[in-house]
Amino acid sequence: KGAIIDLYDVKITSEQEAIIKEFLNLQIGKKYDYLGILGFAIDRNIEDSNRWFCSEFVDKCFDVGEYTLVPRKNESQITPELLFQSLAIKPVYSNFIKI
């Protein structure tokens, strides 16, 4: 077995970083948004401000810090693929490790 480890970099200011960290701390304890994921399957926007799915959460964090990762879509419509395709995210390291 093995895994590919990828690291990415986003250039933000220290002020943006502080805003994002403050937002992150406010989200501690919130649950995963399974209904939001279902929204992709049925092509409907299902949002719950007390729950997040991964790509939605990542985009919202940067949006709060006034940094655009994906040209404006509603956070609940952000897929991992859209984040991966973002020109704002730069790969810095990739390595295959044995587990």
N, C-alpha and C. Protein backbone atom coordinates (compact mmCIF):
# COMPACT_ATOMS: atom_id res chain seq x y z
N LYS A 1 0.83 -1.18 0.00
CA LYS A 1 0.00 0.00 0.00
C LYS A 1 0.87 1.24 0.00
N GLY A 2 0.29 2.33 -0.46
CA GLY A 2 1.01 3.59 -0.46
C GLY A 2 0.05 4.75 -0.57
N ALA A 3 0.61 5.91 -0.47
CA ALA A 3 -0.19 7.13 -0.57
C ALA A 3 0.63 8.21 -1.25
N ILE A 4 -0.05 9.06 -1.95
CA ILE A 4 0.60 10.21 -2.55
C ILE A 4 0.33 11.40 -1.64
N ILE A 5 1.39 12.07 -1.23
CA ILE A 5 1.29 13.24 -0.39
C ILE A 5 1.55 14.45 -1.26
N ASP A 6 0.57 15.34 -1.35
CA ASP A 6 0.71 16.57 -2.12
C ASP A 6 0.58 17.76 -1.19
N LEU A 7 1.44 18.74 -1.36
CA LEU A 7 1.36 19.99 -0.62
C LEU A 7 1.17 21.12 -1.61
N TYR A 8 0.35 22.08 -1.23
CA TYR A 8 0.05 23.22 -2.10
C TYR A 8 0.28 24.51 -1.34
N ASP A 9 0.49 25.58 -2.06
CA ASP A 9 0.76 26.87 -1.46
C ASP A 9 -0.20 27.90 -2.05
N VAL A 10 -0.66 28.79 -1.19
CA VAL A 10 -1.48 29.92 -1.59
C VAL A 10 -0.85 31.15 -0.98
N LYS A 11 -0.59 32.15 -1.79
CA LYS A 11 0.06 33.38 -1.31
C LYS A 11 -0.99 34.33 -0.72
N ILE A 12 -0.97 34.45 0.61
CA ILE A 12 -1.87 35.38 1.29
C ILE A 12 -1.05 36.26 2.22
N THR A 13 -1.63 37.37 2.61
CA THR A 13 -0.95 38.28 3.53
C THR A 13 -1.10 37.77 4.96
N SER A 14 -0.32 38.33 5.86
CA SER A 14 -0.43 37.93 7.27
C SER A 14 -1.79 38.37 7.83
N GLU A 15 -2.34 39.48 7.33
CA GLU A 15 -3.67 39.92 7.76
C GLU A 15 -4.73 38.92 7.32
N GLN A 16 -4.64 38.45 6.07
CA GLN A 16 -5.59 37.46 5.59
C GLN A 16 -5.47 36.17 6.39
N GLU A 17 -4.26 35.77 6.69
CA GLU A 17 -4.03 34.56 7.48
C GLU A 17 -4.68 34.69 8.86
N ALA A 18 -4.55 35.84 9.50
CA ALA A 18 -5.14 36.05 10.82
C ALA A 18 -6.67 35.97 10.75
N ILE A 19 -7.27 36.55 9.73
CA ILE A 19 -8.72 36.51 9.56
C ILE A 19 -9.19 35.07 9.35
N ILE A 20 -8.46 34.34 8.52
CA ILE A 20 -8.82 32.95 8.23
C ILE A 20 -8.70 32.10 9.50
N LYS A 21 -7.63 32.28 10.26
CA LYS A 21 -7.45 31.52 11.50
C LYS A 21 -8.56 31.82 12.50
N GLU A 22 -8.97 33.07 12.60
CA GLU A 22 -10.05 33.44 13.51
C GLU A 22 -11.35 32.73 13.08
N PHE A 23 -11.63 32.74 11.77
CA PHE A 23 -12.81 32.04 11.24
C PHE A 23 -12.72 30.54 11.54
N LEU A 24 -11.55 29.95 11.31
CA LEU A 24 -11.36 28.52 11.58
C LEU A 24 -11.69 28.19 13.03
N ASN A 25 -11.21 28.99 13.95
CA ASN A 25 -11.47 28.74 15.38
C ASN A 25 -12.96 28.79 15.70
N LEU A 26 -13.71 29.63 14.99
CA LEU A 26 -15.15 29.72 15.22
C LEU A 26 -15.91 28.50 14.67
N GLN A 27 -15.26 27.72 13.82
CA GLN A 27 -15.92 26.58 13.20
C GLN A 27 -15.69 25.26 13.94
N ILE A 28 -14.84 25.29 14.95
CA ILE A 28 -14.53 24.07 15.70
C ILE A 28 -15.82 23.47 16.26
N GLY A 29 -15.99 22.18 16.05
CA GLY A 29 -17.15 21.47 16.57
C GLY A 29 -18.29 21.33 15.58
N LYS A 30 -18.21 22.04 14.46
CA LYS A 30 -19.29 21.91 13.47
C LYS A 30 -19.16 20.57 12.76
N LYS A 31 -20.26 20.02 12.35
CA LYS A 31 -20.32 18.68 11.78
C LYS A 31 -20.17 18.69 10.26
N TYR A 32 -19.98 17.49 9.69
CA TYR A 32 -19.87 17.31 8.25
C TYR A 32 -21.25 17.47 7.62
N ASP A 33 -21.30 18.08 6.45
CA ASP A 33 -22.57 18.39 5.78
C ASP A 33 -22.91 17.33 4.72
N TYR A 34 -23.49 16.23 5.17
CA TYR A 34 -23.88 15.16 4.25
C TYR A 34 -24.98 15.61 3.30
N LEU A 35 -25.93 16.43 3.78
CA LEU A 35 -26.99 16.91 2.90
C LEU A 35 -26.44 17.83 1.81
N GLY A 36 -25.41 18.61 2.16
CA GLY A 36 -24.77 19.47 1.15
C GLY A 36 -24.18 18.64 0.02
N ILE A 37 -23.57 17.51 0.36
CA ILE A 37 -23.04 16.61 -0.67
C ILE A 37 -24.17 16.05 -1.51
N LEU A 38 -25.27 15.70 -0.88
CA LEU A 38 -26.44 15.21 -1.62
C LEU A 38 -26.91 16.24 -2.64
N GLY A 39 -26.77 17.51 -2.31
CA GLY A 39 -27.15 18.58 -3.23
C GLY A 39 -26.47 18.47 -4.58
N PHE A 40 -25.23 17.98 -4.62
CA PHE A 40 -24.54 17.78 -5.90
C PHE A 40 -25.26 16.73 -6.74
N ALA A 41 -25.68 15.65 -6.09
CA ALA A 41 -26.32 14.54 -6.80
C ALA A 41 -27.66 14.94 -7.39
N ILE A 42 -28.39 15.80 -6.68
CA ILE A 42 -29.72 16.18 -7.16
C ILE A 42 -29.72 17.59 -7.78
N ASP A 43 -28.52 18.17 -7.96
CA ASP A 43 -28.36 19.48 -8.59
C ASP A 43 -29.18 20.57 -7.88
N ARG A 44 -29.08 20.58 -6.56
CA ARG A 44 -29.78 21.59 -5.76
C ARG A 44 -28.80 22.16 -4.74
N ASN A 45 -28.97 23.40 -4.43
CA ASN A 45 -28.12 24.06 -3.45
C ASN A 45 -28.72 23.84 -2.06
N ILE A 46 -28.09 22.95 -1.29
CA ILE A 46 -28.56 22.67 0.07
C ILE A 46 -27.49 23.16 1.04
N GLU A 47 -27.80 24.21 1.79
CA GLU A 47 -26.83 24.79 2.70
C GLU A 47 -27.28 24.67 4.15
N ASP A 48 -26.33 24.48 5.02
CA ASP A 48 -26.57 24.49 6.46
C ASP A 48 -25.39 25.22 7.09
N SER A 49 -25.64 26.38 7.66
CA SER A 49 -24.55 27.21 8.18
C SER A 49 -23.84 26.59 9.38
N ASN A 50 -24.38 25.51 9.91
CA ASN A 50 -23.74 24.83 11.04
C ASN A 50 -23.01 23.57 10.64
N ARG A 51 -22.93 23.31 9.33
CA ARG A 51 -22.24 22.11 8.82
C ARG A 51 -21.46 22.48 7.57
N TRP A 52 -20.40 21.74 7.31
CA TRP A 52 -19.55 21.98 6.14
C TRP A 52 -19.18 20.66 5.49
N PHE A 53 -18.98 20.67 4.17
CA PHE A 53 -18.23 19.60 3.52
C PHE A 53 -16.90 20.20 3.10
N CYS A 54 -15.92 19.36 2.85
CA CYS A 54 -14.52 19.78 2.77
C CYS A 54 -14.25 20.93 1.80
N SER A 55 -14.60 20.77 0.53
CA SER A 55 -14.26 21.80 -0.45
C SER A 55 -15.03 23.09 -0.19
N GLU A 56 -16.24 22.98 0.29
CA GLU A 56 -17.04 24.15 0.67
C GLU A 56 -16.33 24.92 1.79
N PHE A 57 -15.84 24.18 2.77
CA PHE A 57 -15.17 24.78 3.92
C PHE A 57 -13.87 25.49 3.51
N VAL A 58 -13.08 24.84 2.69
CA VAL A 58 -11.82 25.44 2.24
C VAL A 58 -12.09 26.74 1.50
N ASP A 59 -13.05 26.72 0.57
CA ASP A 59 -13.36 27.93 -0.19
C ASP A 59 -13.89 29.04 0.72
N LYS A 60 -14.74 28.69 1.68
CA LYS A 60 -15.29 29.70 2.59
C LYS A 60 -14.20 30.34 3.44
N CYS A 61 -13.25 29.54 3.91
CA CYS A 61 -12.14 30.08 4.70
C CYS A 61 -11.40 31.18 3.94
N PHE A 62 -11.07 30.89 2.69
CA PHE A 62 -10.35 31.89 1.90
C PHE A 62 -11.24 33.06 1.51
N ASP A 63 -12.52 32.80 1.29
CA ASP A 63 -13.46 33.87 0.98
C ASP A 63 -13.55 34.85 2.15
N VAL A 64 -13.61 34.34 3.37
CA VAL A 64 -13.64 35.19 4.56
C VAL A 64 -12.37 36.05 4.62
N GLY A 65 -11.25 35.48 4.20
CA GLY A 65 -9.98 36.21 4.16
C GLY A 65 -9.83 37.08 2.93
N GLU A 66 -10.91 37.25 2.17
CA GLU A 66 -10.94 38.07 0.96
C GLU A 66 -9.90 37.63 -0.07
N TYR A 67 -9.85 36.32 -0.26
CA TYR A 67 -8.96 35.74 -1.27
C TYR A 67 -9.80 34.74 -2.07
N THR A 68 -9.81 34.90 -3.38
CA THR A 68 -10.65 34.05 -4.23
C THR A 68 -9.85 32.86 -4.74
N LEU A 69 -10.31 31.67 -4.37
CA LEU A 69 -9.71 30.45 -4.91
C LEU A 69 -10.39 30.04 -6.21
N VAL A 70 -11.70 30.13 -6.22
CA VAL A 70 -12.50 29.72 -7.38
C VAL A 70 -13.35 30.92 -7.77
N PRO A 71 -13.31 31.31 -9.06
CA PRO A 71 -14.17 32.42 -9.48
C PRO A 71 -15.59 32.20 -8.97
N ARG A 72 -16.18 33.20 -8.51
CA ARG A 72 -17.37 33.18 -7.68
C ARG A 72 -18.46 32.21 -8.05
N LYS A 73 -18.56 31.25 -7.20
CA LYS A 73 -19.68 30.33 -7.14
C LYS A 73 -20.07 30.30 -5.68
N ASN A 74 -21.25 29.88 -5.40
CA ASN A 74 -21.65 29.70 -4.02
C ASN A 74 -20.78 28.62 -3.41
N GLU A 75 -20.32 28.80 -2.17
CA GLU A 75 -19.43 27.81 -1.54
C GLU A 75 -20.01 26.40 -1.59
N SER A 76 -21.33 26.28 -1.49
CA SER A 76 -21.93 24.95 -1.48
C SER A 76 -21.89 24.29 -2.85
N GLN A 77 -21.38 24.99 -3.87
CA GLN A 77 -21.24 24.41 -5.20
C GLN A 77 -19.78 24.14 -5.56
N ILE A 78 -18.88 24.33 -4.61
CA ILE A 78 -17.45 24.14 -4.86
C ILE A 78 -17.10 22.67 -4.69
N THR A 79 -16.55 22.09 -5.73
CA THR A 79 -16.13 20.69 -5.69
C THR A 79 -14.62 20.62 -5.47
N PRO A 80 -14.11 19.47 -5.03
CA PRO A 80 -12.66 19.31 -4.93
C PRO A 80 -11.98 19.56 -6.28
N GLU A 81 -12.63 19.16 -7.36
CA GLU A 81 -12.05 19.37 -8.69
C GLU A 81 -11.88 20.86 -9.00
N LEU A 82 -12.87 21.68 -8.65
CA LEU A 82 -12.75 23.12 -8.87
C LEU A 82 -11.59 23.71 -8.08
N LEU A 83 -11.41 23.24 -6.84
CA LEU A 83 -10.27 23.71 -6.05
C LEU A 83 -8.96 23.27 -6.69
N PHE A 84 -8.91 22.03 -7.14
CA PHE A 84 -7.69 21.50 -7.76
C PHE A 84 -7.33 22.30 -9.02
N GLN A 85 -8.32 22.75 -9.75
CA GLN A 85 -8.10 23.49 -11.00
C GLN A 85 -7.81 24.97 -10.77
N SER A 86 -7.96 25.44 -9.53
CA SER A 86 -7.77 26.85 -9.24
C SER A 86 -6.36 27.30 -9.58
N LEU A 87 -6.26 28.41 -10.27
CA LEU A 87 -4.95 28.97 -10.61
C LEU A 87 -4.30 29.63 -9.40
N ALA A 88 -5.07 29.85 -8.33
CA ALA A 88 -4.54 30.48 -7.13
C ALA A 88 -3.76 29.51 -6.25
N ILE A 89 -3.96 28.20 -6.47
CA ILE A 89 -3.31 27.18 -5.66
C ILE A 89 -2.14 26.60 -6.44
N LYS A 90 -0.96 26.69 -5.86
CA LYS A 90 0.26 26.23 -6.54
C LYS A 90 0.82 24.98 -5.87
N PRO A 91 1.04 23.91 -6.65
CA PRO A 91 1.68 22.72 -6.05
C PRO A 91 3.13 23.02 -5.69
N VAL A 92 3.55 22.55 -4.51
CA VAL A 92 4.93 22.78 -4.09
C VAL A 92 5.69 21.49 -3.79
N TYR A 93 4.94 20.37 -3.62
CA TYR A 93 5.62 19.14 -3.26
C TYR A 93 4.67 17.95 -3.51
N SER A 94 5.23 16.88 -4.05
CA SER A 94 4.46 15.66 -4.21
C SER A 94 5.40 14.48 -3.99
N ASN A 95 4.93 13.48 -3.25
CA ASN A 95 5.78 12.34 -2.97
C ASN A 95 4.91 11.12 -2.70
N PHE A 96 5.35 9.98 -3.16
CA PHE A 96 4.67 8.71 -2.89
C PHE A 96 5.34 8.08 -1.69
N ILE A 97 4.55 7.72 -0.68
CA ILE A 97 5.12 7.05 0.48
C ILE A 97 4.49 5.70 0.67
N LYS A 98 5.26 4.74 1.16
CA LYS A 98 4.74 3.41 1.47
C LYS A 98 4.14 3.41 2.86
N ILE A 99 3.00 2.76 2.96
CA ILE A 99 2.34 2.66 4.26
C ILE A 99 2.43 1.21 4.73
